[in-house]
Amino acid sequence: QAQVVESGGGLVQPGGSLRLSCAASGMDFNTYTIDWYRQAPGKQRELVATITTNGDTFYGDSVKGRFTISRDNAKNTVYLEMNSLKPEDTAVYYCNVRRQIGPNYWGRGTQVTVSS
């Protein structure tokens, strides 16, 4: 059974860093594109970053130059390195695993709070 689990969230001060992980199981991981989304209270879910099967990446405007997405297919894991964090980065971060045919798989999310 396919499963996606996010981890690595927590409380960090403005200007700090965190690395989120998205671990997948029960699927042929290297055939999937992976997205990181986030959702803050009262706001719509926002696409943060994407990494394709061949390693191409995309970033939302609000995180360009601060966040880096990467994947390790041997570990079935995608990472989101977040630097220069701001209070407006506070949100629940979700991982979405998808390909052109078949269902998407979502994790339950990990909370990131940026506050002094």
C-alpha atoms as a PDB file:
ATOM      1  CA  GLN A   1       0.000   0.000   0.000  1.00  0.00           C
ATOM      2  CA  ALA A   2       1.361   3.397  -1.006  1.00  0.00           C
ATOM      3  CA  GLN A   3       2.224   5.735   1.834  1.00  0.00           C
ATOM      4  CA  VAL A   4       3.752   9.206   2.105  1.00  0.00           C
ATOM      5  CA  VAL A   5       5.092  10.605   5.381  1.00  0.00           C
ATOM      6  CA  GLU A   6       6.472  14.091   5.987  1.00  0.00           C
ATOM      7  CA  SER A   7       8.843  14.955   8.818  1.00  0.00           C
ATOM      8  CA  GLY A   8      11.284  17.610   9.959  1.00  0.00           C
ATOM      9  CA  GLY A   9       8.958  20.439  10.887  1.00  0.00           C
ATOM     10  CA  GLY A  10       9.256  22.447  14.063  1.00  0.00           C
ATOM     11  CA  LEU A  11       9.702  25.865  15.629  1.00  0.00           C
ATOM     12  CA  VAL A  12      12.501  28.042  14.269  1.00  0.00           C
ATOM     13  CA  GLN A  13      13.455  31.688  14.659  1.00  0.00           C
ATOM     14  CA  PRO A  14      13.275  34.116  11.727  1.00  0.00           C
ATOM     15  CA  GLY A  15      16.376  33.745   9.574  1.00  0.00           C
ATOM     16  CA  GLY A  16      16.803  30.125  10.598  1.00  0.00           C
ATOM     17  CA  SER A  17      16.756  26.909   8.599  1.00  0.00           C
ATOM     18  CA  LEU A  18      14.907  23.606   8.525  1.00  0.00           C
ATOM     19  CA  ARG A  19      15.051  20.534   6.314  1.00  0.00           C
ATOM     20  CA  LEU A  20      11.827  18.688   5.628  1.00  0.00           C
ATOM     21  CA  SER A  21      11.711  15.100   4.428  1.00  0.00           C
ATOM     22  CA  CYS A  22       9.051  13.273   2.439  1.00  0.00           C
ATOM     23  CA  ALA A  23       9.430   9.514   2.597  1.00  0.00           C
ATOM     24  CA  ALA A  24       7.395   7.328   0.252  1.00  0.00           C
ATOM     25  CA  SER A  25       6.786   3.595   0.294  1.00  0.00           C
ATOM     26  CA  GLY A  26       4.744   1.054  -1.624  1.00  0.00           C
ATOM     27  CA  MET A  27       5.409   2.620  -5.032  1.00  0.00           C
ATOM     28  CA  ASP A  28       7.994   2.850  -7.794  1.00  0.00           C
ATOM     29  CA  PHE A  29       9.277   6.107  -6.397  1.00  0.00           C
ATOM     30  CA  ASN A  30      11.580   7.177  -9.218  1.00  0.00           C
ATOM     31  CA  THR A  31       8.634   7.282 -11.674  1.00  0.00           C
ATOM     32  CA  TYR A  32       6.824   9.977  -9.653  1.00  0.00           C
ATOM     33  CA  THR A  33       6.979  13.750  -9.632  1.00  0.00           C
ATOM     34  CA  ILE A  34       6.980  15.214  -6.113  1.00  0.00           C
ATOM     35  CA  ASP A  35       5.461  18.487  -4.974  1.00  0.00           C
ATOM     36  CA  TRP A  36       5.742  20.329  -1.678  1.00  0.00           C
ATOM     37  CA  TYR A  37       2.688  22.404  -0.796  1.00  0.00           C
ATOM     38  CA  ARG A  38       1.937  24.478   2.255  1.00  0.00           C
ATOM     39  CA  GLN A  39      -1.210  25.820   3.855  1.00  0.00           C
ATOM     40  CA  ALA A  40      -1.374  28.555   6.450  1.00  0.00           C
ATOM     41  CA  PRO A  41      -4.472  29.102   8.617  1.00  0.00           C
ATOM     42  CA  GLY A  42      -7.219  30.812   6.647  1.00  0.00           C
ATOM     43  CA  LYS A  43      -5.292  30.605   3.372  1.00  0.00           C
ATOM     44  CA  GLN A  44      -5.423  28.398   0.304  1.00  0.00           C
ATOM     45  CA  ARG A  45      -2.946  25.611  -0.217  1.00  0.00           C
ATOM     46  CA  GLU A  46       0.101  26.963  -2.062  1.00  0.00           C
ATOM     47  CA  LEU A  47       2.564  25.118  -4.293  1.00  0.00           C
ATOM     48  CA  VAL A  48       6.048  25.620  -2.876  1.00  0.00           C
ATOM     49  CA  ALA A  49       8.314  23.453  -5.006  1.00  0.00           C
ATOM     50  CA  THR A  50       8.310  20.567  -7.473  1.00  0.00           C
ATOM     51  CA  ILE A  51      10.904  18.036  -8.581  1.00  0.00           C
ATOM     52  CA  THR A  52      10.346  15.823 -11.616  1.00  0.00           C
ATOM     53  CA  THR A  53      11.551  12.320 -12.370  1.00  0.00           C
ATOM     54  CA  ASN A  54      14.625  13.639 -14.175  1.00  0.00           C
ATOM     55  CA  GLY A  55      15.453  16.180 -11.473  1.00  0.00           C
ATOM     56  CA  ASP A  56      13.996  19.338 -12.984  1.00  0.00           C
ATOM     57  CA  THR A  57      12.818  21.732 -10.299  1.00  0.00           C
ATOM     58  CA  PHE A  58      10.247  24.501  -9.950  1.00  0.00           C
ATOM     59  CA  TYR A  59       9.795  27.010  -7.116  1.00  0.00           C
ATOM     60  CA  GLY A  60       7.023  29.331  -6.098  1.00  0.00           C
ATOM     61  CA  ASP A  61       7.935  33.001  -6.271  1.00  0.00           C
ATOM     62  CA  SER A  62       7.739  33.446  -2.511  1.00  0.00           C
ATOM     63  CA  VAL A  63      10.482  30.867  -1.841  1.00  0.00           C
ATOM     64  CA  LYS A  64      12.832  31.261  -4.821  1.00  0.00           C
ATOM     65  CA  GLY A  65      16.429  31.637  -3.710  1.00  0.00           C
ATOM     66  CA  ARG A  66      15.645  30.430  -0.165  1.00  0.00           C
ATOM     67  CA  PHE A  67      14.297  26.894  -0.564  1.00  0.00           C
ATOM     68  CA  THR A  68      15.867  23.930  -2.367  1.00  0.00           C
ATOM     69  CA  ILE A  69      14.106  20.705  -3.314  1.00  0.00           C
ATOM     70  CA  SER A  70      16.062  17.518  -3.948  1.00  0.00           C
ATOM     71  CA  ARG A  71      15.424  13.793  -4.188  1.00  0.00           C
ATOM     72  CA  ASP A  72      17.260  10.621  -3.255  1.00  0.00           C
ATOM     73  CA  ASN A  73      15.662   7.785  -5.214  1.00  0.00           C
ATOM     74  CA  ALA A  74      17.752   5.188  -3.400  1.00  0.00           C
ATOM     75  CA  LYS A  75      16.059   6.259  -0.154  1.00  0.00           C
ATOM     76  CA  ASN A  76      12.607   6.962  -1.690  1.00  0.00           C
ATOM     77  CA  THR A  77      12.844  10.414  -0.139  1.00  0.00           C
ATOM     78  CA  VAL A  78      12.478  14.026  -1.223  1.00  0.00           C
ATOM     79  CA  TYR A  79      13.898  16.882   0.818  1.00  0.00           C
ATOM     80  CA  LEU A  80      13.000  20.536   1.141  1.00  0.00           C
ATOM     81  CA  GLU A  81      15.872  22.622   2.478  1.00  0.00           C
ATOM     82  CA  MET A  82      14.469  25.898   3.809  1.00  0.00           C
ATOM     83  CA  ASN A  83      16.799  28.802   4.597  1.00  0.00           C
ATOM     84  CA  SER A  84      16.279  32.431   5.625  1.00  0.00           C
ATOM     85  CA  LEU A  85      12.907  31.512   7.029  1.00  0.00           C
ATOM     86  CA  LYS A  86      10.323  34.230   7.571  1.00  0.00           C
ATOM     87  CA  PRO A  87       7.224  34.340   9.768  1.00  0.00           C
ATOM     88  CA  GLU A  88       5.112  34.160   6.608  1.00  0.00           C
ATOM     89  CA  ASP A  89       6.597  30.712   5.910  1.00  0.00           C
ATOM     90  CA  THR A  90       4.608  29.410   8.878  1.00  0.00           C
ATOM     91  CA  ALA A  91       2.268  26.707   7.605  1.00  0.00           C
ATOM     92  CA  VAL A  92       1.597  23.007   7.451  1.00  0.00           C
ATOM     93  CA  TYR A  93       3.798  21.557   4.708  1.00  0.00           C
ATOM     94  CA  TYR A  94       2.476  18.678   2.633  1.00  0.00           C
ATOM     95  CA  CYS A  95       4.085  16.314   0.168  1.00  0.00           C
ATOM     96  CA  ASN A  96       2.209  15.231  -2.970  1.00  0.00           C
ATOM     97  CA  VAL A  97       3.471  12.288  -5.019  1.00  0.00           C
ATOM     98  CA  ARG A  98       2.033  12.034  -8.531  1.00  0.00           C
ATOM     99  CA  ARG A  99       2.449  10.889 -12.094  1.00  0.00           C
ATOM    100  CA  GLN A 100       0.446  11.367 -15.282  1.00  0.00           C
ATOM    101  CA  ILE A 101      -1.683   8.251 -14.834  1.00  0.00           C
ATOM    102  CA  GLY A 102      -3.043   6.998 -11.549  1.00  0.00           C
ATOM    103  CA  PRO A 103      -3.839   8.502  -8.153  1.00  0.00           C
ATOM    104  CA  ASN A 104      -1.970  11.210  -6.275  1.00  0.00           C
ATOM    105  CA  TYR A 105      -0.656  10.378  -2.834  1.00  0.00           C
ATOM    106  CA  TRP A 106      -0.642  12.962  -0.050  1.00  0.00           C
ATOM    107  CA  GLY A 107       0.977  12.894   3.337  1.00  0.00           C
ATOM    108  CA  ARG A 108      -0.591  14.255   6.515  1.00  0.00           C
ATOM    109  CA  GLY A 109       1.748  17.202   6.693  1.00  0.00           C
ATOM    110  CA  THR A 110       4.341  18.617   9.061  1.00  0.00           C
ATOM    111  CA  GLN A 111       3.983  21.918  10.927  1.00  0.00           C
ATOM    112  CA  VAL A 112       6.566  24.648  10.406  1.00  0.00           C
ATOM    113  CA  THR A 113       6.405  27.659  12.710  1.00  0.00           C
ATOM    114  CA  VAL A 114       8.722  30.628  12.260  1.00  0.00           C
ATOM    115  CA  SER A 115       8.609  32.872  15.281  1.00  0.00           C
ATOM    116  CA  SER A 116      10.872  34.651  17.738  1.00  0.00           C
END
